[in-house]
Protein backbone atom coordinates (compact mmCIF):
# COMPACT_ATOMS: atom_id res chain seq x y z
CA UNK A 1 96.76 90.66 71.95
CA UNK A 2 93.92 93.15 72.09
CA UNK A 3 93.87 96.61 73.65
CA UNK A 4 91.92 99.82 73.08
CA UNK A 5 93.16 103.23 71.98
CA UNK A 6 93.55 105.72 74.81
CA UNK A 7 91.87 108.54 72.90
CA UNK A 8 88.49 106.86 72.98
CA UNK A 9 85.65 107.21 75.47
CA UNK A 10 86.56 105.76 78.86
CA UNK A 11 90.30 106.32 79.29
CA UNK A 12 90.21 110.04 80.23
CA UNK A 13 87.44 109.43 82.78
CA UNK A 14 89.25 106.48 84.37
CA UNK A 15 92.44 108.53 84.48
CA UNK A 16 90.71 111.35 86.38
CA UNK A 17 89.05 108.91 88.80
CA UNK A 18 92.37 107.12 89.30
CA UNK A 19 94.16 110.34 90.28
CA UNK A 20 91.26 111.48 92.46
CA UNK A 21 91.28 108.21 94.40
CA UNK A 22 95.00 108.56 95.07
CA UNK A 23 94.69 112.14 96.36
CA UNK A 24 91.73 111.32 98.61
CA UNK A 25 93.45 108.15 99.88
CA UNK A 26 96.50 110.12 100.97
CA UNK A 27 94.28 112.47 102.97
CA UNK A 28 92.12 109.78 104.59
CA UNK A 29 95.25 107.78 105.44
CA UNK A 30 96.20 110.37 108.07
CA UNK A 31 93.67 108.79 110.44
CA UNK A 32 94.72 105.64 112.26
CA UNK A 33 92.02 102.97 112.46
CA UNK A 34 91.76 99.90 114.72
CA UNK A 35 89.28 97.07 114.17
CA UNK A 36 88.53 94.68 117.06
CA UNK A 37 90.57 96.93 119.35
CA UNK A 38 89.54 94.99 122.45
CA UNK A 39 90.68 91.64 121.07
CA UNK A 40 94.23 90.32 120.87
CA UNK A 41 95.02 87.37 118.62
CA UNK A 42 98.26 86.32 117.00
CA UNK A 43 99.84 83.52 115.00
CA UNK A 44 103.49 83.17 115.84
CA UNK A 45 105.15 86.55 115.42
CA UNK A 46 102.13 87.96 113.56
CA UNK A 47 99.51 90.05 115.30
CA UNK A 48 96.19 89.26 113.59
CA UNK A 49 93.90 91.20 115.92
CA UNK A 50 93.44 94.03 116.49
CA UNK A 51 93.69 95.03 112.84
CA UNK A 52 95.60 98.30 112.70
CA UNK A 53 95.31 100.25 109.49
CA UNK A 54 94.54 103.76 108.27
CA UNK A 55 91.49 105.60 107.05
CA UNK A 56 92.41 105.03 103.42
CA UNK A 57 92.20 101.25 103.65
CA UNK A 58 88.80 101.04 101.94
CA UNK A 59 89.68 103.41 99.12
CA UNK A 60 93.28 102.70 98.15
CA UNK A 61 92.51 99.19 96.77
CA UNK A 62 90.23 100.95 94.28
CA UNK A 63 93.36 102.47 92.75
CA UNK A 64 94.64 98.97 92.03
CA UNK A 65 91.29 97.93 90.58
CA UNK A 66 91.37 100.93 88.26
CA UNK A 67 94.97 100.05 87.45
CA UNK A 68 93.83 96.54 86.51
CA UNK A 69 91.12 97.95 84.26
CA UNK A 70 93.59 100.28 82.55
CA UNK A 71 96.16 97.51 82.07
CA UNK A 72 93.68 94.93 80.80
CA UNK A 73 91.89 97.26 78.39
CA UNK A 74 94.52 99.81 77.32
CA UNK A 75 97.89 98.12 77.90
CA UNK A 76 101.05 98.87 79.85
CA UNK A 77 102.06 102.09 78.06
CA UNK A 78 98.68 103.71 78.71
CA UNK A 79 98.68 102.54 82.32
CA UNK A 80 102.21 103.84 82.88
CA UNK A 81 101.02 107.22 81.64
CA UNK A 82 98.13 107.14 84.11
CA UNK A 83 100.43 106.09 86.98
CA UNK A 84 102.82 108.95 86.28
CA UNK A 85 99.88 111.35 85.98
CA UNK A 86 98.58 110.17 89.35
CA UNK A 87 102.07 110.47 90.84
CA UNK A 88 102.22 114.08 89.70
CA UNK A 89 98.72 114.81 91.02
CA UNK A 90 99.56 113.47 94.49
CA UNK A 91 102.88 115.33 94.59
CA UNK A 92 101.18 118.57 93.50
CA UNK A 93 98.44 118.21 96.10
CA UNK A 94 101.06 117.60 98.82
CA UNK A 95 102.96 120.71 97.72
CA UNK A 96 99.78 122.80 97.81
CA UNK A 97 98.90 121.50 101.28
CA UNK A 98 102.39 122.31 102.53
CA UNK A 99 102.30 125.84 101.09
CA UNK A 100 98.84 126.47 102.56
CA UNK A 101 99.90 125.15 105.97
CA UNK A 102 103.02 127.36 105.89
CA UNK A 103 101.09 130.55 105.17
CA UNK A 104 100.55 132.78 108.24
CA UNK A 105 97.14 132.12 109.76
CA UNK A 106 94.65 134.96 110.19
CA UNK A 107 93.76 135.98 113.74
CA UNK A 108 90.24 134.63 113.35
CA UNK A 109 91.43 131.24 112.02
CA UNK A 110 91.45 128.78 114.93
CA UNK A 111 92.16 125.52 113.14
CA UNK A 112 95.83 125.74 112.18
CA UNK A 113 96.81 122.73 114.28
CA UNK A 114 93.91 120.66 112.96
CA UNK A 115 94.80 121.60 109.40
CA UNK A 116 98.39 120.54 109.99
CA UNK A 117 97.35 117.28 111.62
CA UNK A 118 95.22 116.24 108.65
CA UNK A 119 96.93 117.84 105.65
CA UNK A 120 100.42 118.61 106.91
CA UNK A 121 103.15 116.96 104.84
CA UNK A 122 105.56 114.58 106.57
CA UNK A 123 108.37 114.26 103.99
CA UNK A 124 109.29 110.69 104.92
CA UNK A 125 105.68 109.51 104.77
CA UNK A 126 105.11 111.29 101.49
CA UNK A 127 108.23 109.69 100.02
CA UNK A 128 107.12 106.28 101.29
CA UNK A 129 103.66 106.63 99.81
CA UNK A 130 104.83 107.90 96.43
CA UNK A 131 107.64 105.35 96.08
CA UNK A 132 105.42 102.43 97.08
CA UNK A 133 102.63 103.58 94.80
CA UNK A 134 104.89 104.14 91.79
CA UNK A 135 106.71 100.80 91.97
CA UNK A 136 103.63 98.83 93.01
CA UNK A 137 101.36 100.18 90.30
CA UNK A 138 103.94 99.76 87.53
CA UNK A 139 104.66 96.18 88.60
CA UNK A 140 100.94 95.47 88.86
CA UNK A 141 100.42 96.65 85.30
CA UNK A 142 103.53 94.96 83.90
CA UNK A 143 102.67 91.58 85.41
CA UNK A 144 99.05 91.75 84.24
CA UNK A 145 100.06 92.54 80.66
CA UNK A 146 102.85 89.92 80.77
CA UNK A 147 100.34 87.24 81.77
CA UNK A 148 97.88 88.47 79.16
CA UNK A 149 100.48 87.93 76.44
CA UNK A 150 100.42 84.26 77.37
CA UNK A 151 96.72 83.78 78.15
CA UNK A 152 95.15 86.21 75.63
CA UNK A 153 91.53 86.80 76.68
CA UNK A 154 91.40 83.68 78.86
CA UNK A 155 92.00 83.34 82.62
CA UNK A 156 91.38 86.93 83.64
CA UNK A 157 91.34 85.78 87.25
CA UNK A 158 94.98 84.69 86.95
CA UNK A 159 95.99 88.09 85.62
CA UNK A 160 94.14 89.96 88.35
CA UNK A 161 95.40 87.83 91.23
CA UNK A 162 98.96 87.50 89.92
CA UNK A 163 99.37 91.22 89.30
CA UNK A 164 97.77 92.11 92.64
CA UNK A 165 100.09 89.82 94.61
CA UNK A 166 103.22 91.27 93.00
CA UNK A 167 102.09 94.90 92.98
CA UNK A 168 100.63 94.99 96.49
CA UNK A 169 103.62 93.20 98.01
CA UNK A 170 106.09 95.62 96.41
CA UNK A 171 103.95 98.61 97.39
CA UNK A 172 103.58 97.46 101.01
CA UNK A 173 107.23 96.46 101.40
CA UNK A 174 108.60 99.73 100.02
CA UNK A 175 106.17 101.88 101.98
CA UNK A 176 106.88 100.08 105.25
CA UNK A 177 110.65 100.06 104.69
CA UNK A 178 110.71 103.84 104.26
CA UNK A 179 107.98 104.80 106.73
CA UNK A 180 108.73 102.34 109.55
CA UNK A 181 110.86 104.71 111.61
CA UNK A 182 108.43 107.58 111.18
CA UNK A 183 105.50 105.61 112.58
CA UNK A 184 107.37 104.06 115.50
CA UNK A 185 108.31 100.61 114.18
CA UNK A 186 111.72 99.75 115.60
CA UNK A 187 112.00 95.93 115.66
CA UNK A 188 112.17 93.31 112.91
CA UNK A 189 109.18 91.52 114.41
CA UNK A 190 106.99 94.61 114.22
CA UNK A 191 108.26 95.36 110.72
CA UNK A 192 107.49 91.87 109.40
CA UNK A 193 104.08 91.97 111.06
CA UNK A 194 103.31 95.36 109.50
CA UNK A 195 104.32 94.18 106.02
CA UNK A 196 102.64 90.77 106.08
CA UNK A 197 99.35 91.83 107.65
CA UNK A 198 99.12 94.91 105.43
CA UNK A 199 99.86 92.89 102.30
CA UNK A 200 97.40 90.12 103.15
CA UNK A 201 94.67 92.61 104.02
CA UNK A 202 95.01 94.62 100.81
CA UNK A 203 95.25 91.50 98.66
CA UNK A 204 92.24 89.90 100.33
CA UNK A 205 90.14 93.01 99.73
CA UNK A 206 90.94 92.96 96.03
CA UNK A 207 90.20 89.24 95.74
CA UNK A 208 86.85 89.67 97.50
CA UNK A 209 85.75 92.43 95.13
CA UNK A 210 87.15 90.69 92.04
CA UNK A 211 83.62 90.03 90.68
CA UNK A 212 83.15 93.81 90.52
CA UNK A 213 86.45 94.19 88.68
CA UNK A 214 85.29 91.52 86.20
CA UNK A 215 82.09 93.42 85.51
CA UNK A 216 83.83 96.77 85.06
CA UNK A 217 86.42 95.29 82.68
CA UNK A 218 83.71 93.52 80.67
CA UNK A 219 81.66 96.71 80.42
CA UNK A 220 84.58 98.86 79.30
CA UNK A 221 85.73 96.28 76.73
CA UNK A 222 82.21 96.00 75.32
CA UNK A 223 81.74 99.75 74.98
CA UNK A 224 85.22 100.69 73.74
CA UNK A 225 84.87 100.79 69.93
CA UNK A 226 88.61 100.42 69.40
CA UNK A 227 89.14 97.43 71.70
CA UNK A 228 90.73 94.54 69.82
CA UNK A 229 91.50 96.41 66.60
CA UNK A 230 95.24 96.69 67.15
CA UNK A 231 98.04 94.54 68.49
CA UNK A 232 99.84 95.11 71.76
CA UNK A 233 102.67 97.59 71.82
């Protein structure tokens, strides 16, 4: 089974982009977003419309796409390193935001409340985000590499979809289980709706942009000199 060495060309750049996406996603996620807010539509206990999400919805799936690229090209060990690096980057950024928010504001500074609203750290939400991200990304990578052991270079679509389904479900379930109380979810119906709709939305986004993932993976494989020269770890 072919992978590339992490010390060559693209890995450091993907690692930086991966961590950057996670930090930005955690900031943009502080804004609640509603699509089709004037329309109500449901299927059984599920509320389909309006679609309630956060401002990071368009960016966070990119983290999973980058995770797929890392897993497919560099293997599980290299991806695990990137996930832990990203985990540390998000935790450090949250700590810096909290310290900055806690510092006494100057008399001329009039935006303390706005700063807190956007960058203030809610411990339960931070824990939910980090736990969901860590478990989801590691499962995503593990499943992709596990399938690759059996399919080699064939059926990339199966690896991408299979890993996304497992990783996104675990991420969404863990995040919602920890964060539910903090965001006002108090019934099983609302909880199930939050998990299912969130999972389906994130998974659908990744499936829709799968052609882009294919192209990125193909490009990186083609331009990584070490790809295919060693066996899987």
